[in-house]
Every structure is written in structure tokens, then in C-alpha cells.
Amino acid sequence: MSARRLVLIAVVGLVAAILAYSLYWMHAAGQARNHVQAWAEARRAEGWTVAWAEETPGGFPWRLRLTLTAPELSHPSGLRWRGPYLELWTAPLWPRAVHVETAGDHRLTWAGRDWPLNLERLAATIASGTLDAHLHGLQTGQTSIADLGLSLAALPPRPDPSGHPASWRFALSGRDIRLPPDTLPGFDGQMALAEISGRVMGQVPADTPVAAIAGWSKQGGIIELDRVALDWPPMGLEGSGTAALDPGGQPLVALSTRIHGFDALMDRLHQAGLVDQATARTSKTLLGLMAKPDPRGRPAIPAPITIQDGSLYLGPARMAAVPGIPWASFSPP
């Protein structure tokens, strides 16, 4: 066989492959639009509002992308989100995960209040039983978050002596969180780190969100908090514990923590005129006697923290009121 004929066969084969892939891509794009429409119709049947102005396929050849402009999503409870666009994409040949991206000006509305949000970028990946989301550059009013990450994963059923095996694993972390001025006297206007991770113990029923949480709680479900960390200068906190809901659906939290930076906090409270010099000095002495080095060598005091009956306690001392969870506001009217 001549070289010219081999080249011709190769060219014809390549053209046929490109044509076949193009047809496959267009078919997959149509299927993707059908899946999105079916999801929207299912939500509408549940009382949601799901709308967008236009949907545009793209990304050929390496991505299968669907761009929705001016999307809007409203829960029957009245919680509403609007954004400039939403990009949904996957790999055409290996559609094992759906990637969601957006940016720009967004708006949340609930209970008659509006929260304008500006995002530099939000990227999320949804696969079988998992969600990984990363948000960069959130700005709303006087509050901003440089980076926010969320990870959720469904866990396979496993026997557990308690009868409530872990069903989900989660992790949430935020970095460089700027707060409104004077949020808490004595503390910086920016948190360096806020982090929580753990496991949901007990099966969560397949139901509407509020009913599912109520059913999970009635069956004895709890949350094992494997790590709780807060770096809010001048203080920091690290610990672990448990969380649940009381019979009224309000939070019950018990944490075993280590707190460092109390000397600097007492100095700041004195400088702000919130405590006198004698009280600050005495508090530093007493807390210093209780302190032990943490894993990084910093003096830290053990501090049990609890939330119950609508109050936050540090040891036996009531520190602040904790707002109740308005479950009725999340249910359809």
C-alpha cells in the first residue's frame, strides 16, 4: 500500500472520528439540557420557583457546558437567590461529576430582607454522594471572607455499637473573615481562621429538609464534632465535642476546648476601659495558674463550652444568649 493511500485512510479516519465525536457531543448537550429541565420541573412540583433567562451550550470539544443567565431559585419558605449566571459543566467522555461555577453580584432575600453579595468566584463539584465547594472573595456589607470551603460526603452503612452509624462527613472552613467594626470588644476586626469538621451520626430520612432534620433528631441523631477551631486575635480556640437538637428543636452543644491568648485579651479589655487594671491583673494570674502548654507550646486553658436552653456557657458562667432556630420560617406557608 502506497504512502499516499495510507495518508488518505488516516485523514478519512480522523475526519470520521471528529464527525462522530461532534455528533456525540451535540447529543450529550441535548441530554444535559433535558436533565436540567427535568430537575427544574421536579423542584417546581415541590413548590419551588426555578427560572432563568437563557441557556447556552458550549465548551466543545473538551467540556460539555451549559450556561444559564439570570438564574433564580426560590424555596417555598420564601428564601430566594438570584445571580448573574450559572455555569454547569462536565467532561463529555467521563461525566462522573458536575462542576458548577459563578461569580459577580448575587442577591439573597428572606423574611423581607435583602442581602447583596459579591463573589470573585464560586466553584463546586458534585459527584456521587459528595460535594466540594470553594468560594473566593465574598463581600456583603461590612463583612467579607477571603476563602470559604465546604466538603460533604455520604458514608457507606457500617455497624455501630450505638446503633447510630455515621451517615455523612463534613468540613467547613473560612479564612480571613473581616467583620463589622466593634463586633466584639477586645477582638480584632478580622478572624484569621474559623473551622469545623465532623460526622453526622444516624440516618437522615429522605424528606423535605426541615422534616428530614426533625426525623433524624427524633431517632437520636447527633453530630460528632471532630475539630472546632477559631483564630480570632488576640485569642484562639481548639477543641472537639458533640451537637444535637433538644426536644424543641434548639441546639445542644458540648465542647471540650483549649483557649490561648487570654493575657492579651485582658490587656485589650483594660485598654478599652471594659475592665479595671486590678481585675485584668487578677484574671491573668488566675488563668495563668490554670494554663498548660498546647501542642505549639502556647499557654492554654481548658475551657468547657456548652450551648443549651438558648444560652452560651463557658464552664458554669453564662456568657451570652443564643438566638433560637426559626424552624417555622423554613417551612412552606
C-alpha atoms as a PDB file:
ATOM      1  CA  MET A   1       0.000   0.000   0.000  1.00  0.00           C
ATOM      2  CA  SER A   2       1.384   3.353  -1.045  1.00  0.00           C
ATOM      3  CA  ALA A   3       2.188   6.112   1.405  1.00  0.00           C
ATOM      4  CA  ARG A   4      -0.355   8.379  -0.293  1.00  0.00           C
ATOM      5  CA  ARG A   5      -3.123   5.828   0.294  1.00  0.00           C
ATOM      6  CA  LEU A   6      -2.135   5.404   3.943  1.00  0.00           C
ATOM      7  CA  VAL A   7      -2.290   9.162   4.445  1.00  0.00           C
ATOM      8  CA  LEU A   8      -5.712   9.276   2.762  1.00  0.00           C
ATOM      9  CA  ILE A   9      -7.061   6.493   5.005  1.00  0.00           C
ATOM     10  CA  ALA A  10      -5.681   8.244   8.077  1.00  0.00           C
ATOM     11  CA  VAL A  11      -7.268  11.553   7.057  1.00  0.00           C
ATOM     12  CA  VAL A  12     -10.625   9.899   6.337  1.00  0.00           C
ATOM     13  CA  GLY A  13     -10.465   8.065   9.672  1.00  0.00           C
ATOM     14  CA  LEU A  14      -9.634  11.268  11.529  1.00  0.00           C
ATOM     15  CA  VAL A  15     -12.478  13.161   9.844  1.00  0.00           C
ATOM     16  CA  ALA A  16     -14.887  10.317  10.650  1.00  0.00           C
ATOM     17  CA  ALA A  17     -13.764  10.303  14.290  1.00  0.00           C
ATOM     18  CA  ILE A  18     -14.176  14.081  14.555  1.00  0.00           C
ATOM     19  CA  LEU A  19     -17.628  13.875  12.980  1.00  0.00           C
ATOM     20  CA  ALA A  20     -18.664  11.013  15.272  1.00  0.00           C
ATOM     21  CA  TYR A  21     -17.416  12.853  18.357  1.00  0.00           C
ATOM     22  CA  SER A  22     -19.167  16.043  17.247  1.00  0.00           C
ATOM     23  CA  LEU A  23     -22.450  14.168  16.876  1.00  0.00           C
ATOM     24  CA  TYR A  24     -21.929  12.547  20.273  1.00  0.00           C
ATOM     25  CA  TRP A  25     -21.159  15.930  21.865  1.00  0.00           C
ATOM     26  CA  MET A  26     -24.313  17.504  20.404  1.00  0.00           C
ATOM     27  CA  HIS A  27     -26.401  14.559  21.606  1.00  0.00           C
ATOM     28  CA  ALA A  28     -24.845  14.830  25.080  1.00  0.00           C
ATOM     29  CA  ALA A  29     -25.536  18.585  25.120  1.00  0.00           C
ATOM     30  CA  GLY A  30     -29.196  17.888  24.391  1.00  0.00           C
ATOM     31  CA  GLN A  31     -29.296  15.289  27.161  1.00  0.00           C
ATOM     32  CA  ALA A  32     -27.728  17.758  29.585  1.00  0.00           C
ATOM     33  CA  ARG A  33     -30.394  20.352  28.806  1.00  0.00           C
ATOM     34  CA  ASN A  34     -33.079  17.710  29.333  1.00  0.00           C
ATOM     35  CA  HIS A  35     -31.600  16.754  32.729  1.00  0.00           C
ATOM     36  CA  VAL A  36     -31.560  20.389  33.861  1.00  0.00           C
ATOM     37  CA  GLN A  37     -35.142  20.897  32.693  1.00  0.00           C
ATOM     38  CA  ALA A  38     -36.260  17.700  34.463  1.00  0.00           C
ATOM     39  CA  TRP A  39     -34.584  18.824  37.693  1.00  0.00           C
ATOM     40  CA  ALA A  40     -36.284  22.220  37.439  1.00  0.00           C
ATOM     41  CA  GLU A  41     -39.695  20.643  36.826  1.00  0.00           C
ATOM     42  CA  ALA A  42     -39.254  18.333  39.827  1.00  0.00           C
ATOM     43  CA  ARG A  43     -38.466  21.310  42.072  1.00  0.00           C
ATOM     44  CA  ARG A  44     -41.431  23.276  40.700  1.00  0.00           C
ATOM     45  CA  ALA A  45     -43.686  20.349  41.548  1.00  0.00           C
ATOM     46  CA  GLU A  46     -42.470  20.715  45.150  1.00  0.00           C
ATOM     47  CA  GLY A  47     -43.439  24.389  45.213  1.00  0.00           C
ATOM     48  CA  TRP A  48     -40.076  25.928  44.310  1.00  0.00           C
ATOM     49  CA  THR A  49     -39.597  28.715  41.795  1.00  0.00           C
ATOM     50  CA  VAL A  50     -36.876  27.828  39.280  1.00  0.00           C
ATOM     51  CA  ALA A  51     -36.196  30.165  36.364  1.00  0.00           C
ATOM     52  CA  TRP A  52     -33.500  31.550  34.075  1.00  0.00           C
ATOM     53  CA  ALA A  53     -33.470  33.866  31.079  1.00  0.00           C
ATOM     54  CA  GLU A  54     -31.410  31.840  28.582  1.00  0.00           C
ATOM     55  CA  GLU A  55     -29.492  28.591  28.424  1.00  0.00           C
ATOM     56  CA  THR A  56     -26.497  28.341  26.127  1.00  0.00           C
ATOM     57  CA  PRO A  57     -24.464  25.175  25.446  1.00  0.00           C
ATOM     58  CA  GLY A  58     -20.717  25.460  24.872  1.00  0.00           C
ATOM     59  CA  GLY A  59     -17.296  24.121  25.775  1.00  0.00           C
ATOM     60  CA  PHE A  60     -16.728  21.989  22.673  1.00  0.00           C
ATOM     61  CA  PRO A  61     -14.669  19.842  22.430  1.00  0.00           C
ATOM     62  CA  TRP A  62     -13.190  19.185  25.892  1.00  0.00           C
ATOM     63  CA  ARG A  63     -16.089  20.341  28.044  1.00  0.00           C
ATOM     64  CA  LEU A  64     -19.823  19.969  27.938  1.00  0.00           C
ATOM     65  CA  ARG A  65     -21.011  23.297  29.355  1.00  0.00           C
ATOM     66  CA  LEU A  66     -24.441  24.806  29.889  1.00  0.00           C
ATOM     67  CA  THR A  67     -24.618  28.486  30.862  1.00  0.00           C
ATOM     68  CA  LEU A  68     -27.797  29.772  32.498  1.00  0.00           C
ATOM     69  CA  THR A  69     -28.165  33.566  32.529  1.00  0.00           C
ATOM     70  CA  ALA A  70     -30.116  35.463  35.220  1.00  0.00           C
ATOM     71  CA  PRO A  71     -30.919  32.316  37.238  1.00  0.00           C
ATOM     72  CA  GLU A  72     -33.397  32.478  40.104  1.00  0.00           C
ATOM     73  CA  LEU A  73     -34.196  29.892  42.773  1.00  0.00           C
ATOM     74  CA  SER A  74     -36.870  30.318  45.468  1.00  0.00           C
ATOM     75  CA  HIS A  75     -37.757  27.896  48.275  1.00  0.00           C
ATOM     76  CA  PRO A  76     -41.413  27.664  49.386  1.00  0.00           C
ATOM     77  CA  SER A  77     -40.357  29.199  52.728  1.00  0.00           C
ATOM     78  CA  GLY A  78     -39.551  32.448  50.908  1.00  0.00           C
ATOM     79  CA  LEU A  79     -35.763  32.074  50.714  1.00  0.00           C
ATOM     80  CA  ARG A  80     -34.750  33.384  47.293  1.00  0.00           C
ATOM     81  CA  TRP A  81     -31.456  33.550  45.369  1.00  0.00           C
ATOM     82  CA  ARG A  82     -30.732  35.467  42.174  1.00  0.00           C
ATOM     83  CA  GLY A  83     -27.455  35.672  40.281  1.00  0.00           C
ATOM     84  CA  PRO A  84     -25.957  36.913  37.006  1.00  0.00           C
ATOM     85  CA  TYR A  85     -25.153  33.474  35.576  1.00  0.00           C
ATOM     86  CA  LEU A  86     -24.530  29.847  36.439  1.00  0.00           C
ATOM     87  CA  GLU A  87     -22.187  27.559  34.522  1.00  0.00           C
ATOM     88  CA  LEU A  88     -22.709  23.795  34.678  1.00  0.00           C
ATOM     89  CA  TRP A  89     -20.105  21.632  33.007  1.00  0.00           C
ATOM     90  CA  THR A  90     -18.731  18.109  32.864  1.00  0.00           C
ATOM     91  CA  ALA A  91     -16.217  16.079  30.864  1.00  0.00           C
ATOM     92  CA  PRO A  92     -18.114  14.669  27.851  1.00  0.00           C
ATOM     93  CA  LEU A  93     -16.358  11.295  27.837  1.00  0.00           C
ATOM     94  CA  TRP A  94     -16.264  10.832  31.625  1.00  0.00           C
ATOM     95  CA  PRO A  95     -19.370  12.558  33.031  1.00  0.00           C
ATOM     96  CA  ARG A  96     -18.835  11.356  36.580  1.00  0.00           C
ATOM     97  CA  ALA A  97     -19.111  14.789  38.196  1.00  0.00           C
ATOM     98  CA  VAL A  98     -20.919  18.057  37.559  1.00  0.00           C
ATOM     99  CA  HIS A  99     -18.999  21.284  38.105  1.00  0.00           C
ATOM    100  CA  VAL A 100     -20.835  24.494  39.000  1.00  0.00           C
ATOM    101  CA  GLU A 101     -19.259  27.948  38.684  1.00  0.00           C
ATOM    102  CA  THR A 102     -20.424  31.526  39.120  1.00  0.00           C
ATOM    103  CA  ALA A 103     -19.176  34.988  40.103  1.00  0.00           C
ATOM    104  CA  GLY A 104     -20.332  38.599  40.266  1.00  0.00           C
ATOM    105  CA  ASP A 105     -23.254  40.220  42.067  1.00  0.00           C
ATOM    106  CA  HIS A 106     -25.834  37.963  43.707  1.00  0.00           C
ATOM    107  CA  ARG A 107     -28.798  38.628  45.967  1.00  0.00           C
ATOM    108  CA  LEU A 108     -30.401  36.626  48.766  1.00  0.00           C
ATOM    109  CA  THR A 109     -33.879  37.516  50.017  1.00  0.00           C
ATOM    110  CA  TRP A 110     -35.591  36.091  53.077  1.00  0.00           C
ATOM    111  CA  ALA A 111     -38.176  37.298  55.580  1.00  0.00           C
ATOM    112  CA  GLY A 112     -38.445  40.642  53.809  1.00  0.00           C
ATOM    113  CA  ARG A 113     -34.707  41.347  53.930  1.00  0.00           C
ATOM    114  CA  ASP A 114     -32.212  41.577  51.060  1.00  0.00           C
ATOM    115  CA  TRP A 115     -28.535  40.614  51.258  1.00  0.00           C
ATOM    116  CA  PRO A 116     -26.470  41.749  48.259  1.00  0.00           C
ATOM    117  CA  LEU A 117     -23.425  39.521  47.763  1.00  0.00           C
ATOM    118  CA  ASN A 118     -20.413  39.938  45.532  1.00  0.00           C
ATOM    119  CA  LEU A 119     -18.326  36.861  44.700  1.00  0.00           C
ATOM    120  CA  GLU A 120     -14.961  36.783  42.992  1.00  0.00           C
ATOM    121  CA  ARG A 121     -15.546  33.103  42.245  1.00  0.00           C
ATOM    122  CA  LEU A 122     -17.598  30.153  43.431  1.00  0.00           C
ATOM    123  CA  ALA A 123     -16.697  26.691  42.189  1.00  0.00           C
ATOM    124  CA  ALA A 124     -18.365  23.465  43.293  1.00  0.00           C
ATOM    125  CA  THR A 125     -18.052  19.841  42.242  1.00  0.00           C
ATOM    126  CA  ILE A 126     -20.964  17.450  42.707  1.00  0.00           C
ATOM    127  CA  ALA A 127     -20.341  13.734  42.287  1.00  0.00           C
ATOM    128  CA  SER A 128     -21.989  10.579  43.566  1.00  0.00           C
ATOM    129  CA  GLY A 129     -22.601  11.270  47.262  1.00  0.00           C
ATOM    130  CA  THR A 130     -20.100  14.125  47.518  1.00  0.00           C
ATOM    131  CA  LEU A 131     -19.981  17.902  47.331  1.00  0.00           C
ATOM    132  CA  ASP A 132     -16.870  20.075  47.348  1.00  0.00           C
ATOM    133  CA  ALA A 133     -17.367  23.836  47.151  1.00  0.00           C
ATOM    134  CA  HIS A 134     -14.848  26.682  47.286  1.00  0.00           C
ATOM    135  CA  LEU A 135     -15.742  30.341  47.477  1.00  0.00           C
ATOM    136  CA  HIS A 136     -13.230  33.131  46.965  1.00  0.00           C
ATOM    137  CA  GLY A 137     -13.732  36.800  47.726  1.00  0.00           C
ATOM    138  CA  LEU A 138     -17.191  37.068  49.298  1.00  0.00           C
ATOM    139  CA  GLN A 139     -18.278  40.619  50.146  1.00  0.00           C
ATOM    140  CA  THR A 140     -21.576  41.580  51.767  1.00  0.00           C
ATOM    141  CA  GLY A 141     -21.982  44.901  53.525  1.00  0.00           C
ATOM    142  CA  GLN A 142     -19.174  45.298  56.071  1.00  0.00           C
ATOM    143  CA  THR A 143     -18.405  41.568  56.122  1.00  0.00           C
ATOM    144  CA  SER A 144     -16.023  39.774  53.779  1.00  0.00           C
ATOM    145  CA  ILE A 145     -14.500  36.290  53.551  1.00  0.00           C
ATOM    146  CA  ALA A 146     -11.339  35.700  51.548  1.00  0.00           C
ATOM    147  CA  ASP A 147     -11.778  31.915  51.268  1.00  0.00           C
ATOM    148  CA  LEU A 148     -14.572  29.572  52.286  1.00  0.00           C
ATOM    149  CA  GLY A 149     -14.552  25.825  51.751  1.00  0.00           C
ATOM    150  CA  LEU A 150     -17.251  23.189  52.247  1.00  0.00           C
ATOM    151  CA  SER A 151     -16.951  19.438  51.852  1.00  0.00           C
ATOM    152  CA  LEU A 152     -19.750  16.863  52.241  1.00  0.00           C
ATOM    153  CA  ALA A 153     -19.558  13.125  51.688  1.00  0.00           C
ATOM    154  CA  ALA A 154     -22.110  10.360  52.201  1.00  0.00           C
ATOM    155  CA  LEU A 155     -20.633   7.417  54.112  1.00  0.00           C
ATOM    156  CA  PRO A 156     -21.427   3.750  53.388  1.00  0.00           C
ATOM    157  CA  PRO A 157     -23.579   1.998  56.031  1.00  0.00           C
ATOM    158  CA  ARG A 158     -21.471   0.385  58.751  1.00  0.00           C
ATOM    159  CA  PRO A 159     -22.433  -1.339  62.016  1.00  0.00           C
ATOM    160  CA  ASP A 160     -22.013   0.853  65.083  1.00  0.00           C
ATOM    161  CA  PRO A 161     -22.382  -0.158  68.763  1.00  0.00           C
ATOM    162  CA  SER A 162     -24.511   2.935  69.413  1.00  0.00           C
ATOM    163  CA  GLY A 163     -26.999   1.983  66.714  1.00  0.00           C
ATOM    164  CA  HIS A 164     -26.392   5.346  65.028  1.00  0.00           C
ATOM    165  CA  PRO A 165     -23.607   4.866  62.463  1.00  0.00           C
ATOM    166  CA  ALA A 166     -22.101   7.861  60.705  1.00  0.00           C
ATOM    167  CA  SER A 167     -24.049   8.726  57.559  1.00  0.00           C
ATOM    168  CA  TRP A 168     -22.236  11.905  56.446  1.00  0.00           C
ATOM    169  CA  ARG A 169     -18.828  13.506  56.855  1.00  0.00           C
ATOM    170  CA  PHE A 170     -18.469  17.283  56.607  1.00  0.00           C
ATOM    171  CA  ALA A 171     -15.879  20.047  56.866  1.00  0.00           C
ATOM    172  CA  LEU A 172     -16.364  23.815  56.735  1.00  0.00           C
ATOM    173  CA  SER A 173     -13.552  26.352  56.940  1.00  0.00           C
ATOM    174  CA  GLY A 174     -13.212  30.087  56.438  1.00  0.00           C
ATOM    175  CA  ARG A 175     -10.069  32.220  56.266  1.00  0.00           C
ATOM    176  CA  ASP A 176      -9.521  35.961  56.636  1.00  0.00           C
ATOM    177  CA  ILE A 177     -13.053  36.796  57.733  1.00  0.00           C
ATOM    178  CA  ARG A 178     -13.496  40.547  58.115  1.00  0.00           C
ATOM    179  CA  LEU A 179     -16.303  41.595  60.463  1.00  0.00           C
ATOM    180  CA  PRO A 180     -18.149  44.886  61.038  1.00  0.00           C
ATOM    181  CA  PRO A 181     -16.345  47.315  63.379  1.00  0.00           C
ATOM    182  CA  ASP A 182     -16.699  46.639  67.117  1.00  0.00           C
ATOM    183  CA  THR A 183     -18.339  43.249  66.590  1.00  0.00           C
ATOM    184  CA  LEU A 184     -16.859  42.108  69.898  1.00  0.00           C
ATOM    185  CA  PRO A 185     -14.862  44.490  72.123  1.00  0.00           C
ATOM    186  CA  GLY A 186     -11.245  43.472  72.620  1.00  0.00           C
ATOM    187  CA  PHE A 187     -11.048  41.384  69.452  1.00  0.00           C
ATOM    188  CA  ASP A 188      -9.578  42.219  66.047  1.00  0.00           C
ATOM    189  CA  GLY A 189     -11.902  43.113  63.209  1.00  0.00           C
ATOM    190  CA  GLN A 190     -10.740  40.043  61.297  1.00  0.00           C
ATOM    191  CA  MET A 191     -10.749  36.326  62.070  1.00  0.00           C
ATOM    192  CA  ALA A 192      -7.756  34.526  60.653  1.00  0.00           C
ATOM    193  CA  LEU A 193      -9.485  31.134  60.721  1.00  0.00           C
ATOM    194  CA  ALA A 194     -12.808  29.507  61.591  1.00  0.00           C
ATOM    195  CA  GLU A 195     -13.060  25.762  61.084  1.00  0.00           C
ATOM    196  CA  ILE A 196     -15.408  22.909  61.961  1.00  0.00           C
ATOM    197  CA  SER A 197     -15.452  19.282  60.830  1.00  0.00           C
ATOM    198  CA  GLY A 198     -17.171  16.127  61.949  1.00  0.00           C
ATOM    199  CA  ARG A 199     -19.647  13.351  61.228  1.00  0.00           C
ATOM    200  CA  VAL A 200     -23.432  13.131  61.204  1.00  0.00           C
ATOM    201  CA  MET A 201     -24.386  10.096  63.302  1.00  0.00           C
ATOM    202  CA  GLY A 202     -27.656   8.395  62.390  1.00  0.00           C
ATOM    203  CA  GLN A 203     -29.528   8.118  59.120  1.00  0.00           C
ATOM    204  CA  VAL A 204     -31.164  11.237  57.710  1.00  0.00           C
ATOM    205  CA  PRO A 205     -34.624  10.392  56.278  1.00  0.00           C
ATOM    206  CA  ALA A 206     -35.384  11.193  52.649  1.00  0.00           C
ATOM    207  CA  ASP A 207     -37.811  14.090  53.099  1.00  0.00           C
ATOM    208  CA  THR A 208     -38.013  17.867  52.869  1.00  0.00           C
ATOM    209  CA  PRO A 209     -35.055  19.493  54.678  1.00  0.00           C
ATOM    210  CA  VAL A 210     -36.952  20.510  57.842  1.00  0.00           C
ATOM    211  CA  ALA A 211     -38.801  17.186  58.108  1.00  0.00           C
ATOM    212  CA  ALA A 212     -35.579  15.248  57.465  1.00  0.00           C
ATOM    213  CA  ILE A 213     -33.734  17.083  60.253  1.00  0.00           C
ATOM    214  CA  ALA A 214     -36.673  16.576  62.636  1.00  0.00           C
ATOM    215  CA  GLY A 215     -36.846  12.859  61.829  1.00  0.00           C
ATOM    216  CA  TRP A 216     -33.102  12.439  62.237  1.00  0.00           C
ATOM    217  CA  SER A 217     -33.192  14.183  65.629  1.00  0.00           C
ATOM    218  CA  LYS A 218     -36.154  12.133  66.915  1.00  0.00           C
ATOM    219  CA  GLN A 219     -34.256   8.955  66.061  1.00  0.00           C
ATOM    220  CA  GLY A 220     -31.418  10.051  68.351  1.00  0.00           C
ATOM    221  CA  GLY A 221     -29.164  11.576  65.723  1.00  0.00           C
ATOM    222  CA  ILE A 222     -26.177  13.603  66.891  1.00  0.00           C
ATOM    223  CA  ILE A 223     -23.205  15.344  65.286  1.00  0.00           C
ATOM    224  CA  GLU A 224     -19.716  14.332  66.355  1.00  0.00           C
ATOM    225  CA  LEU A 225     -17.553  17.445  66.106  1.00  0.00           C
ATOM    226  CA  ASP A 226     -14.065  16.087  65.467  1.00  0.00           C
ATOM    227  CA  ARG A 227     -12.482  19.520  65.233  1.00  0.00           C
ATOM    228  CA  VAL A 228     -13.565  23.032  66.122  1.00  0.00           C
ATOM    229  CA  ALA A 229     -11.012  25.820  65.701  1.00  0.00           C
ATOM    230  CA  LEU A 230     -11.142  29.594  65.873  1.00  0.00           C
ATOM    231  CA  ASP A 231      -8.242  32.021  65.441  1.00  0.00           C
ATOM    232  CA  TRP A 232      -9.631  35.435  66.315  1.00  0.00           C
ATOM    233  CA  PRO A 233      -6.795  37.616  67.608  1.00  0.00           C
ATOM    234  CA  PRO A 234      -5.855  38.025  70.292  1.00  0.00           C
ATOM    235  CA  MET A 235      -7.462  34.679  71.233  1.00  0.00           C
ATOM    236  CA  GLY A 236      -7.603  31.252  69.696  1.00  0.00           C
ATOM    237  CA  LEU A 237      -9.626  28.137  70.421  1.00  0.00           C
ATOM    238  CA  GLU A 238      -9.297  24.464  69.505  1.00  0.00           C
ATOM    239  CA  GLY A 239     -11.402  21.532  70.595  1.00  0.00           C
ATOM    240  CA  SER A 240     -13.969  18.849  69.843  1.00  0.00           C
ATOM    241  CA  GLY A 241     -17.363  17.774  71.095  1.00  0.00           C
ATOM    242  CA  THR A 242     -20.927  16.908  70.137  1.00  0.00           C
ATOM    243  CA  ALA A 243     -24.037  18.711  68.910  1.00  0.00           C
ATOM    244  CA  ALA A 244     -27.700  17.736  68.780  1.00  0.00           C
ATOM    245  CA  LEU A 245     -31.192  19.211  68.985  1.00  0.00           C
ATOM    246  CA  ASP A 246     -33.279  19.310  72.143  1.00  0.00           C
ATOM    247  CA  PRO A 247     -36.978  18.240  72.102  1.00  0.00           C
ATOM    248  CA  GLY A 248     -37.881  21.768  70.998  1.00  0.00           C
ATOM    249  CA  GLY A 249     -35.508  21.610  68.034  1.00  0.00           C
ATOM    250  CA  GLN A 250     -32.977  24.022  69.541  1.00  0.00           C
ATOM    251  CA  PRO A 251     -29.209  23.418  69.683  1.00  0.00           C
ATOM    252  CA  LEU A 252     -27.481  21.387  72.375  1.00  0.00           C
ATOM    253  CA  VAL A 253     -23.697  21.691  72.077  1.00  0.00           C
ATOM    254  CA  ALA A 254     -20.967  20.408  74.384  1.00  0.00           C
ATOM    255  CA  LEU A 255     -17.332  21.212  73.558  1.00  0.00           C
ATOM    256  CA  SER A 256     -14.057  20.439  75.265  1.00  0.00           C
ATOM    257  CA  THR A 257     -11.679  23.204  74.193  1.00  0.00           C
ATOM    258  CA  ARG A 258      -8.305  24.812  74.832  1.00  0.00           C
ATOM    259  CA  ILE A 259      -8.136  28.613  74.712  1.00  0.00           C
ATOM    260  CA  HIS A 260      -4.946  30.645  74.300  1.00  0.00           C
ATOM    261  CA  GLY A 261      -4.254  34.376  74.160  1.00  0.00           C
ATOM    262  CA  PHE A 262      -6.140  35.294  77.340  1.00  0.00           C
ATOM    263  CA  ASP A 263      -3.344  37.580  78.616  1.00  0.00           C
ATOM    264  CA  ALA A 264      -3.536  39.770  75.507  1.00  0.00           C
ATOM    265  CA  LEU A 265      -7.332  39.825  75.703  1.00  0.00           C
ATOM    266  CA  MET A 266      -7.279  41.044  79.308  1.00  0.00           C
ATOM    267  CA  ASP A 267      -4.852  43.808  78.298  1.00  0.00           C
ATOM    268  CA  ARG A 268      -7.143  44.910  75.467  1.00  0.00           C
ATOM    269  CA  LEU A 269     -10.235  44.881  77.666  1.00  0.00           C
ATOM    270  CA  HIS A 270      -8.396  47.065  80.186  1.00  0.00           C
ATOM    271  CA  GLN A 271      -7.219  49.460  77.454  1.00  0.00           C
ATOM    272  CA  ALA A 272     -10.808  49.722  76.190  1.00  0.00           C
ATOM    273  CA  GLY A 273     -11.998  50.588  79.682  1.00  0.00           C
ATOM    274  CA  LEU A 274     -14.141  47.464  79.971  1.00  0.00           C
ATOM    275  CA  VAL A 275     -12.270  46.067  82.996  1.00  0.00           C
ATOM    276  CA  ASP A 276     -10.129  47.861  85.543  1.00  0.00           C
ATOM    277  CA  GLN A 277      -6.413  47.193  85.945  1.00  0.00           C
ATOM    278  CA  ALA A 278      -6.794  45.165  89.144  1.00  0.00           C
ATOM    279  CA  THR A 279      -9.384  42.850  87.585  1.00  0.00           C
ATOM    280  CA  ALA A 280      -7.279  42.368  84.475  1.00  0.00           C
ATOM    281  CA  ARG A 281      -4.175  41.582  86.531  1.00  0.00           C
ATOM    282  CA  THR A 282      -6.025  39.160  88.820  1.00  0.00           C
ATOM    283  CA  SER A 283      -7.686  37.390  85.890  1.00  0.00           C
ATOM    284  CA  LYS A 284      -4.347  36.948  84.134  1.00  0.00           C
ATOM    285  CA  THR A 285      -2.822  35.467  87.290  1.00  0.00           C
ATOM    286  CA  LEU A 286      -5.684  33.022  87.902  1.00  0.00           C
ATOM    287  CA  LEU A 287      -5.915  31.952  84.274  1.00  0.00           C
ATOM    288  CA  GLY A 288      -2.139  31.584  84.126  1.00  0.00           C
ATOM    289  CA  LEU A 289      -2.267  29.100  87.015  1.00  0.00           C
ATOM    290  CA  MET A 290      -4.763  27.012  85.056  1.00  0.00           C
ATOM    291  CA  ALA A 291      -2.798  27.123  81.809  1.00  0.00           C
ATOM    292  CA  LYS A 292      -0.888  24.257  80.239  1.00  0.00           C
ATOM    293  CA  PRO A 293       1.188  24.292  77.046  1.00  0.00           C
ATOM    294  CA  ASP A 294      -0.775  23.385  73.925  1.00  0.00           C
ATOM    295  CA  PRO A 295       0.801  21.318  71.090  1.00  0.00           C
ATOM    296  CA  ARG A 296       2.505  24.508  69.814  1.00  0.00           C
ATOM    297  CA  GLY A 297       3.880  25.434  73.231  1.00  0.00           C
ATOM    298  CA  ARG A 298       1.466  28.299  73.892  1.00  0.00           C
ATOM    299  CA  PRO A 299      -0.111  28.592  77.352  1.00  0.00           C
ATOM    300  CA  ALA A 300      -3.726  27.440  77.014  1.00  0.00           C
ATOM    301  CA  ILE A 301      -6.519  26.894  79.496  1.00  0.00           C
ATOM    302  CA  PRO A 302      -9.018  24.019  79.305  1.00  0.00           C
ATOM    303  CA  ALA A 303     -12.460  25.506  78.772  1.00  0.00           C
ATOM    304  CA  PRO A 304     -15.703  23.504  78.531  1.00  0.00           C
ATOM    305  CA  ILE A 305     -18.184  25.355  76.320  1.00  0.00           C
ATOM    306  CA  THR A 306     -21.872  24.463  76.181  1.00  0.00           C
ATOM    307  CA  ILE A 307     -24.972  25.763  74.444  1.00  0.00           C
ATOM    308  CA  GLN A 308     -28.316  24.833  75.958  1.00  0.00           C
ATOM    309  CA  ASP A 309     -31.657  26.447  76.771  1.00  0.00           C
ATOM    310  CA  GLY A 310     -30.822  29.361  74.491  1.00  0.00           C
ATOM    311  CA  SER A 311     -27.617  30.342  76.314  1.00  0.00           C
ATOM    312  CA  LEU A 312     -23.856  30.058  75.796  1.00  0.00           C
ATOM    313  CA  TYR A 313     -21.838  28.926  78.818  1.00  0.00           C
ATOM    314  CA  LEU A 314     -18.102  28.980  79.458  1.00  0.00           C
ATOM    315  CA  GLY A 315     -17.802  26.469  82.275  1.00  0.00           C
ATOM    316  CA  PRO A 316     -20.633  27.333  84.700  1.00  0.00           C
ATOM    317  CA  ALA A 317     -20.736  31.007  83.665  1.00  0.00           C
ATOM    318  CA  ARG A 318     -23.458  32.185  81.287  1.00  0.00           C
ATOM    319  CA  MET A 319     -21.768  34.313  78.634  1.00  0.00           C
ATOM    320  CA  ALA A 320     -24.476  35.240  76.120  1.00  0.00           C
ATOM    321  CA  ALA A 321     -27.912  34.476  74.712  1.00  0.00           C
ATOM    322  CA  VAL A 322     -28.055  32.258  71.621  1.00  0.00           C
ATOM    323  CA  PRO A 323     -30.832  33.011  69.095  1.00  0.00           C
ATOM    324  CA  GLY A 324     -33.224  30.133  68.519  1.00  0.00           C
ATOM    325  CA  ILE A 325     -33.519  28.360  65.177  1.00  0.00           C
ATOM    326  CA  PRO A 326     -36.697  29.699  63.461  1.00  0.00           C
ATOM    327  CA  TRP A 327     -37.844  26.367  62.019  1.00  0.00           C
ATOM    328  CA  ALA A 328     -41.279  27.737  61.096  1.00  0.00           C
ATOM    329  CA  SER A 329     -39.620  30.249  58.758  1.00  0.00           C
ATOM    330  CA  PHE A 330     -38.120  27.425  56.684  1.00  0.00           C
ATOM    331  CA  SER A 331     -41.451  25.638  56.166  1.00  0.00           C
ATOM    332  CA  PRO A 332     -43.870  26.468  53.355  1.00  0.00           C
ATOM    333  CA  PRO A 333     -46.620  28.886  54.438  1.00  0.00           C
END
